[in-house]
N, C-alpha and C. Protein backbone atom coordinates (compact mmCIF):
# COMPACT_ATOMS: atom_id res chain seq x y z
N MET A 1 88.25 79.72 171.19
CA MET A 1 89.23 80.92 171.70
C MET A 1 90.67 81.50 171.67
N LEU A 2 91.10 81.48 171.83
CA LEU A 2 92.66 82.10 171.98
C LEU A 2 92.97 83.13 172.67
N LEU A 3 93.33 82.67 173.81
CA LEU A 3 93.96 84.16 174.77
C LEU A 3 95.47 84.62 174.85
N ASP A 4 95.41 85.01 175.22
CA ASP A 4 97.35 85.62 175.51
C ASP A 4 97.05 86.45 176.94
N LEU A 5 98.11 86.19 177.94
CA LEU A 5 98.32 87.47 179.08
C LEU A 5 99.22 87.91 178.56
N ASP A 6 100.73 88.18 178.73
CA ASP A 6 101.20 89.64 178.63
C ASP A 6 100.65 89.93 177.48
N GLY A 7 101.19 91.81 177.78
CA GLY A 7 100.04 92.75 177.29
C GLY A 7 98.91 92.70 176.86
N VAL A 8 98.05 91.59 177.20
CA VAL A 8 96.03 91.50 177.19
C VAL A 8 96.18 91.16 178.28
N LEU A 9 95.58 90.67 179.31
CA LEU A 9 95.55 91.35 180.43
C LEU A 9 96.44 91.44 181.36
N ASN A 10 97.62 91.49 180.86
CA ASN A 10 98.37 91.87 182.26
C ASN A 10 99.14 93.31 181.27
N PRO A 11 99.08 94.59 180.83
CA PRO A 11 99.20 95.74 180.15
C PRO A 11 100.93 96.17 180.48
N PHE A 12 101.00 95.23 180.22
CA PHE A 12 103.26 95.35 180.99
C PHE A 12 103.78 97.12 179.87
N GLY A 13 102.73 97.44 178.84
CA GLY A 13 103.25 98.51 177.57
C GLY A 13 103.18 100.00 178.63
N ALA A 14 102.21 100.04 179.95
CA ALA A 14 101.20 100.93 179.70
C ALA A 14 102.52 101.56 181.30
N SER A 15 103.14 102.65 181.33
CA SER A 15 104.29 103.71 181.82
C SER A 15 103.34 103.29 183.53
N THR A 16 102.24 103.36 183.98
CA THR A 16 101.33 103.27 185.78
C THR A 16 100.42 102.25 185.60
N CYS A 17 100.46 101.50 186.71
CA CYS A 17 99.22 100.91 186.97
C CYS A 17 97.54 101.64 186.23
N PRO A 18 97.14 100.81 185.13
CA PRO A 18 96.22 101.69 184.76
C PRO A 18 94.74 101.38 185.49
N GLU A 19 94.23 102.53 184.99
CA GLU A 19 92.67 102.15 186.42
C GLU A 19 92.08 100.66 186.63
N GLY A 20 91.32 100.80 187.49
CA GLY A 20 90.67 99.14 187.52
C GLY A 20 91.50 97.73 187.81
N TYR A 21 92.40 98.15 187.61
CA TYR A 21 94.03 96.96 187.12
C TYR A 21 94.58 96.75 189.52
N VAL A 22 95.15 95.89 189.09
CA VAL A 22 95.83 95.67 190.89
C VAL A 22 97.32 94.77 190.36
N GLU A 23 98.47 95.77 191.06
CA GLU A 23 99.47 94.92 190.60
C GLU A 23 100.00 93.84 191.52
N HIS A 24 100.52 93.11 191.04
CA HIS A 24 101.07 91.36 192.25
C HIS A 24 102.08 90.99 191.66
N GLU A 25 102.95 89.98 192.91
CA GLU A 25 104.57 90.25 191.97
C GLU A 25 103.92 88.67 191.76
N PHE A 26 104.41 88.16 190.35
CA PHE A 26 103.86 86.39 190.73
C PHE A 26 105.26 85.73 190.81
N TYR A 27 106.89 86.20 190.49
CA TYR A 27 107.26 85.78 189.84
C TYR A 27 108.38 86.40 191.33
N PRO A 28 108.72 86.76 191.96
CA PRO A 28 109.74 86.77 192.79
C PRO A 28 110.63 87.37 192.12
N GLY A 29 110.96 89.16 193.03
CA GLY A 29 112.10 89.12 192.09
C GLY A 29 112.28 89.97 190.52
N GLU A 30 111.37 89.32 190.28
CA GLU A 30 110.82 90.30 188.45
C GLU A 30 109.99 91.10 188.40
N GLY A 31 109.67 91.68 189.73
CA GLY A 31 108.99 92.77 189.52
C GLY A 31 106.79 93.04 189.58
N PRO A 32 106.17 93.47 189.67
CA PRO A 32 104.92 92.54 190.14
C PRO A 32 104.14 93.20 188.65
N LEU A 33 103.36 92.42 188.37
CA LEU A 33 102.12 91.70 187.15
C LEU A 33 101.22 92.57 187.09
N ARG A 34 100.42 93.04 186.57
CA ARG A 34 99.02 93.90 186.65
C ARG A 34 97.88 92.58 186.10
N TYR A 35 97.13 92.91 186.68
CA TYR A 35 95.74 91.93 186.17
C TYR A 35 94.56 92.49 186.94
N CYS A 36 93.53 92.79 185.53
CA CYS A 36 91.77 93.18 186.73
C CYS A 36 91.31 92.37 186.67
N PRO A 37 91.43 92.61 188.21
CA PRO A 37 88.83 91.43 188.69
C PRO A 37 88.68 91.27 188.07
N ALA A 38 88.09 92.49 186.67
CA ALA A 38 86.88 92.12 185.74
C ALA A 38 86.90 91.71 184.36
N HIS A 39 88.26 91.20 184.50
CA HIS A 39 88.57 90.22 183.33
C HIS A 39 87.93 88.66 184.12
N GLY A 40 88.09 88.53 185.04
CA GLY A 40 87.84 87.03 185.25
C GLY A 40 86.11 86.06 184.86
N GLU A 41 84.97 87.67 185.13
CA GLU A 41 83.67 87.61 184.12
C GLU A 41 84.38 88.26 183.00
N TRP A 42 84.85 88.54 182.30
CA TRP A 42 84.53 88.82 180.55
C TRP A 42 85.63 87.05 180.63
N ILE A 43 86.08 86.91 180.71
CA ILE A 43 87.07 85.53 180.23
C ILE A 43 85.87 84.40 180.43
N SER A 44 85.21 84.59 181.79
CA SER A 44 84.04 83.53 181.65
C SER A 44 83.39 83.39 180.83
N GLU A 45 82.92 84.76 180.20
CA GLU A 45 81.72 85.18 179.52
C GLU A 45 82.46 84.40 177.98
N LEU A 46 84.06 84.23 177.97
CA LEU A 46 83.66 83.84 176.28
C LEU A 46 83.85 82.37 176.92
N ALA A 47 84.24 81.35 177.44
CA ALA A 47 84.11 80.11 177.60
C ALA A 47 82.73 79.95 178.08
N THR A 48 81.62 80.69 177.75
CA THR A 48 80.21 79.61 177.53
C THR A 48 80.12 80.17 175.88
N ALA A 49 80.39 80.98 175.32
CA ALA A 49 80.66 81.05 173.76
C ALA A 49 81.18 80.00 172.52
N GLY A 50 82.37 79.68 173.64
CA GLY A 50 83.07 78.58 172.41
C GLY A 50 84.41 78.15 173.61
N GLU A 51 85.39 77.47 172.93
CA GLU A 51 86.06 76.85 173.63
C GLU A 51 87.53 77.32 173.95
N LEU A 52 87.49 77.82 175.07
CA LEU A 52 88.47 79.31 175.46
C LEU A 52 89.82 78.02 175.85
N ARG A 53 91.07 78.70 175.27
CA ARG A 53 92.40 78.28 175.35
C ARG A 53 93.37 79.81 175.99
N TRP A 54 93.93 79.25 177.07
CA TRP A 54 95.31 80.47 176.75
C TRP A 54 96.84 79.79 175.59
N ALA A 55 96.76 81.20 175.09
CA ALA A 55 97.77 81.55 174.13
C ALA A 55 98.62 81.78 174.50
N THR A 56 99.64 81.23 175.96
CA THR A 56 100.40 81.96 176.44
C THR A 56 102.18 81.49 176.66
N ALA A 57 102.81 82.55 176.58
CA ALA A 57 103.93 81.49 177.35
C ALA A 57 104.17 80.91 178.71
N TRP A 58 103.52 80.80 179.64
CA TRP A 58 103.05 81.07 181.02
C TRP A 58 102.67 79.75 180.77
N GLY A 59 102.11 78.89 179.64
CA GLY A 59 101.26 77.41 180.21
C GLY A 59 100.64 77.15 180.76
N ASP A 60 100.74 76.31 182.07
CA ASP A 60 100.48 76.37 182.43
C ASP A 60 100.14 77.38 183.54
N ASP A 61 101.36 77.85 184.35
CA ASP A 61 101.35 78.85 184.94
C ASP A 61 99.59 79.87 184.87
N ALA A 62 99.44 80.10 183.85
CA ALA A 62 98.41 80.48 183.93
C ALA A 62 97.13 79.98 184.70
N ASN A 63 97.33 78.83 184.24
CA ASN A 63 95.61 78.51 185.25
C ASN A 63 96.71 78.51 187.11
N THR A 64 97.67 78.05 187.51
CA THR A 64 97.95 77.97 188.69
C THR A 64 98.52 79.45 189.43
N LEU A 65 98.82 80.23 189.22
CA LEU A 65 98.96 81.94 189.63
C LEU A 65 98.53 82.68 188.96
N PHE A 66 98.01 82.80 187.99
CA PHE A 66 96.88 83.91 187.50
C PHE A 66 95.40 83.90 187.75
N ALA A 67 94.80 82.33 186.59
CA ALA A 67 93.56 82.35 187.17
C ALA A 67 92.67 82.49 188.49
N PRO A 68 93.37 81.81 189.71
CA PRO A 68 93.48 82.04 190.78
C PRO A 68 92.57 83.38 191.01
N MET A 69 93.67 84.32 190.71
CA MET A 69 93.58 86.48 190.65
C MET A 69 92.22 86.67 190.74
N LEU A 70 91.91 85.74 189.22
CA LEU A 70 90.31 86.70 188.68
C LEU A 70 89.47 85.57 188.70
N GLY A 71 89.69 84.54 189.75
CA GLY A 71 88.58 83.79 190.21
C GLY A 71 87.88 82.68 189.44
N ILE A 72 88.46 82.47 187.92
CA ILE A 72 87.82 81.46 187.47
C ILE A 72 88.68 80.38 187.09
N GLU A 73 87.75 79.09 186.68
CA GLU A 73 88.41 77.96 186.53
C GLU A 73 89.73 77.67 185.68
N PRO A 74 90.61 76.47 186.20
CA PRO A 74 91.92 76.52 184.77
C PRO A 74 90.91 76.30 183.12
N LEU A 75 91.93 76.43 182.54
CA LEU A 75 91.82 76.93 181.09
C LEU A 75 92.58 75.44 180.61
N PRO A 76 91.90 74.85 179.41
CA PRO A 76 93.21 73.96 178.51
C PRO A 76 94.33 75.26 178.02
N PHE A 77 95.48 75.17 177.71
CA PHE A 77 96.41 75.63 177.27
C PHE A 77 97.55 75.68 175.43
N VAL A 78 97.64 75.98 175.03
CA VAL A 78 98.29 76.40 173.83
C VAL A 78 100.00 75.73 174.11
N PRO A 79 100.68 74.52 174.31
CA PRO A 79 101.80 73.71 173.75
C PRO A 79 102.16 74.83 173.48
N PHE A 80 102.97 76.07 173.61
CA PHE A 80 104.02 76.32 173.01
C PHE A 80 105.60 76.10 172.93
N PRO A 81 106.92 76.59 172.26
CA PRO A 81 108.12 75.96 172.87
C PRO A 81 108.77 76.15 173.89
N PRO A 82 109.80 75.44 174.42
CA PRO A 82 110.54 76.28 175.83
C PRO A 82 110.62 77.68 175.56
N LEU A 83 110.53 78.94 176.44
CA LEU A 83 110.91 79.82 176.68
C LEU A 83 112.56 80.23 176.63
N PRO A 84 113.74 80.38 175.82
CA PRO A 84 112.79 82.39 175.15
C PRO A 84 112.43 81.64 173.83
N PHE A 85 111.06 81.73 173.21
CA PHE A 85 111.36 81.76 171.71
C PHE A 85 110.58 82.97 171.24
N LEU A 86 110.64 82.73 169.48
CA LEU A 86 110.41 83.83 168.87
C LEU A 86 108.26 84.28 168.75
N PRO A 87 107.95 85.46 168.87
CA PRO A 87 106.28 85.67 168.89
C PRO A 87 106.00 84.54 168.07
N GLU A 88 106.64 84.89 166.25
CA GLU A 88 106.21 83.94 164.88
C GLU A 88 105.81 82.37 165.48
N GLN A 89 106.45 82.05 166.14
CA GLN A 89 106.58 80.44 167.09
C GLN A 89 105.08 80.68 167.34
N LYS A 90 104.44 81.04 167.60
CA LYS A 90 103.51 80.17 168.25
C LYS A 90 102.56 80.18 166.96
N VAL A 91 102.83 80.25 166.20
CA VAL A 91 101.43 80.49 165.25
C VAL A 91 101.03 78.47 164.79
N PRO A 92 102.65 77.82 164.47
CA PRO A 92 102.39 76.39 164.62
C PRO A 92 101.74 75.80 165.43
N ALA A 93 101.97 76.52 166.96
CA ALA A 93 101.40 75.34 167.66
C ALA A 93 99.62 75.91 167.89
N ILE A 94 99.88 77.02 167.70
CA ILE A 94 97.80 77.03 167.44
C ILE A 94 97.24 76.41 165.78
N ALA A 95 97.76 76.45 165.24
CA ALA A 95 97.54 75.58 163.94
C ALA A 95 97.15 74.36 164.57
N GLU A 96 98.15 73.70 164.73
CA GLU A 96 97.76 72.31 165.54
C GLU A 96 97.03 72.79 166.36
N VAL A 97 96.55 72.98 167.46
CA VAL A 97 95.83 73.15 168.20
C VAL A 97 94.01 72.90 167.75
N VAL A 98 94.20 74.40 166.78
CA VAL A 98 93.03 75.26 166.34
C VAL A 98 92.70 73.84 164.98
N GLN A 99 93.19 73.18 163.92
CA GLN A 99 93.27 72.66 163.14
C GLN A 99 92.38 73.41 162.15
N ASP A 100 90.95 72.88 161.90
CA ASP A 100 90.46 73.19 160.40
C ASP A 100 89.22 73.97 160.79
N ARG A 101 89.15 74.33 162.25
CA ARG A 101 87.96 74.64 163.62
C ARG A 101 88.09 76.19 163.12
N PRO A 102 86.32 76.90 163.47
CA PRO A 102 87.33 78.75 164.03
C PRO A 102 87.65 78.52 164.60
N ALA A 103 88.90 80.47 164.63
CA ALA A 103 89.61 80.38 165.72
C ALA A 103 89.58 81.91 165.95
N ALA A 104 89.50 82.52 167.49
CA ALA A 104 89.75 83.80 167.37
C ALA A 104 90.71 84.01 167.77
N TRP A 105 91.56 84.55 168.02
CA TRP A 105 93.55 85.28 169.25
C TRP A 105 93.02 85.85 169.68
N ILE A 106 93.10 86.18 170.55
CA ILE A 106 93.17 87.83 171.27
C ILE A 106 94.79 87.44 171.64
N ASP A 107 95.77 88.59 171.07
CA ASP A 107 96.89 88.76 171.27
C ASP A 107 97.46 90.25 170.90
N ASP A 108 98.46 90.48 171.39
CA ASP A 108 99.12 91.59 171.36
C ASP A 108 100.66 92.15 170.30
N ASN A 109 100.71 90.69 170.28
CA ASN A 109 101.69 90.57 169.10
C ASN A 109 101.31 90.02 168.21
N HIS A 110 100.53 90.00 167.27
CA HIS A 110 100.11 89.14 165.76
C HIS A 110 101.54 89.48 165.37
N THR A 111 101.87 88.76 164.47
CA THR A 111 103.10 88.88 163.67
C THR A 111 102.51 88.37 162.67
N GLU A 112 103.62 88.75 161.51
CA GLU A 112 102.99 88.67 159.83
C GLU A 112 103.05 87.03 159.80
N ALA A 113 103.58 86.32 160.22
CA ALA A 113 103.50 85.13 160.30
C ALA A 113 102.08 84.65 160.75
N GLY A 114 101.42 85.41 161.66
CA GLY A 114 100.23 85.26 162.43
C GLY A 114 99.31 85.20 161.87
N ARG A 115 99.32 86.54 160.78
CA ARG A 115 98.56 87.23 159.98
C ARG A 115 98.34 86.67 158.89
N ARG A 116 99.42 86.44 158.09
CA ARG A 116 99.44 84.79 157.13
C ARG A 116 98.92 83.45 157.02
N TRP A 117 98.34 83.39 158.39
CA TRP A 117 98.23 82.22 158.99
C TRP A 117 96.23 82.22 158.98
N ALA A 118 96.30 82.99 159.92
CA ALA A 118 94.58 83.82 159.59
C ALA A 118 93.60 84.19 157.92
N ALA A 119 95.28 84.51 157.43
CA ALA A 119 94.61 84.91 155.89
C ALA A 119 93.92 83.78 155.51
N GLU A 120 95.31 82.79 155.68
CA GLU A 120 95.47 81.46 153.88
C GLU A 120 94.02 80.94 154.76
N ARG A 121 92.96 80.46 155.77
CA ARG A 121 92.60 79.60 156.69
C ARG A 121 91.42 79.62 155.73
N ALA A 122 90.92 77.90 155.28
CA ALA A 122 89.59 78.59 155.53
C ALA A 122 88.40 78.94 156.31
N ALA A 123 88.54 78.52 157.38
CA ALA A 123 87.60 78.36 158.75
C ALA A 123 88.04 79.95 158.94
N PRO A 124 86.93 80.17 159.11
CA PRO A 124 86.51 81.56 159.66
C PRO A 124 87.44 82.05 160.85
N THR A 125 88.48 82.79 160.69
CA THR A 125 89.79 83.88 161.63
C THR A 125 89.37 84.86 162.80
N LEU A 126 89.63 85.14 163.27
CA LEU A 126 89.29 86.64 164.02
C LEU A 126 90.59 87.16 164.55
N LEU A 127 91.74 87.57 163.96
CA LEU A 127 93.13 88.12 165.46
C LEU A 127 92.24 89.19 165.30
N VAL A 128 92.91 89.22 167.32
CA VAL A 128 91.66 90.33 167.86
C VAL A 128 93.06 90.60 168.71
N PRO A 129 94.21 92.59 168.22
CA PRO A 129 95.28 93.26 168.29
C PRO A 129 95.00 93.51 169.82
N ILE A 130 96.03 93.81 170.35
CA ILE A 130 95.50 94.86 171.93
C ILE A 130 96.84 95.52 171.67
N ASP A 131 96.38 96.70 172.43
CA ASP A 131 97.67 97.20 172.66
C ASP A 131 97.98 97.22 173.98
N SER A 132 99.73 97.05 174.18
CA SER A 132 99.88 96.40 175.55
C SER A 132 100.45 97.20 176.40
N GLU A 133 99.98 98.65 175.97
CA GLU A 133 99.63 100.19 176.87
C GLU A 133 98.06 99.93 177.40
N VAL A 134 97.24 99.70 176.40
CA VAL A 134 96.23 99.75 177.33
C VAL A 134 95.53 98.22 178.18
N GLY A 135 96.06 97.70 176.91
CA GLY A 135 95.23 96.41 177.96
C GLY A 135 94.13 95.71 177.10
N TRP A 136 93.51 94.27 177.11
CA TRP A 136 92.53 93.82 176.93
C TRP A 136 90.94 94.99 177.47
N THR A 137 89.78 94.95 176.42
CA THR A 137 88.95 96.01 177.16
C THR A 137 87.32 95.97 176.46
N ARG A 138 86.56 96.13 177.10
CA ARG A 138 85.56 95.37 176.89
C ARG A 138 84.93 95.55 174.98
N ASP A 139 85.51 96.56 174.83
CA ASP A 139 85.24 95.94 173.41
C ASP A 139 85.55 95.18 173.07
N ASP A 140 87.20 94.66 173.33
CA ASP A 140 87.42 93.93 172.51
C ASP A 140 86.82 92.87 172.52
N VAL A 141 86.03 92.15 173.74
CA VAL A 141 85.04 91.25 174.45
C VAL A 141 84.77 91.07 173.56
N GLU A 142 83.13 92.27 173.04
CA GLU A 142 82.34 92.76 171.93
C GLU A 142 82.59 92.17 171.22
N LYS A 143 83.12 92.62 170.67
CA LYS A 143 83.42 91.66 169.07
C LYS A 143 84.24 90.07 168.60
N VAL A 144 84.67 89.50 169.92
CA VAL A 144 84.93 88.29 169.87
C VAL A 144 83.49 87.53 169.78
N LEU A 145 82.84 88.08 170.76
CA LEU A 145 81.44 87.86 171.34
C LEU A 145 80.01 87.87 169.59
N ALA A 146 80.37 88.95 169.59
CA ALA A 146 79.68 89.24 167.94
C ALA A 146 80.25 88.24 167.17
N TRP A 147 81.28 87.72 167.29
CA TRP A 147 81.54 87.19 166.27
C TRP A 147 81.48 85.66 166.46
N ALA A 148 81.56 85.48 167.19
CA ALA A 148 81.37 84.00 168.27
C ALA A 148 79.69 83.73 167.37
N ARG A 149 79.01 84.73 167.73
CA ARG A 149 77.47 84.55 167.13
C ARG A 149 77.11 84.45 166.43
N ASP A 150 77.69 84.88 165.57
CA ASP A 150 77.84 84.75 163.70
C ASP A 150 78.30 83.85 162.60
N LEU A 151 79.05 82.98 163.55
CA LEU A 151 79.59 81.56 162.82
C LEU A 151 78.05 80.96 162.80
């Protein structure tokens, strides 16, 4: 299972801070990012259902900066190209990590390259699109948990 951060856990597209979220300045001068403390429990649930990795440009910063805010243990992360990179450049890195195993990818920006990769795989693959104005919801979690149970 692959979990993006910006647009998923940080609903940057929302015009105001959504209910249940907190704003925190992780990078001085870049303005606050949003997070929902309840997401820590959801992430822990996913981690018990299968191998969970960060799939975010934050890389290990997701562990050192974001995970402590959620009260979760560090997760392995997919090594992406150095910033800036195009969203479709996530696909080769994810393909390398996933290999021929089942994969659920939670992201707010599934590109055509990502959809093509998912459709062409022999292994079960679930793309979970997230609206960056809303962020990750409990329904998204349930969708991934049900998919994992059905494997």
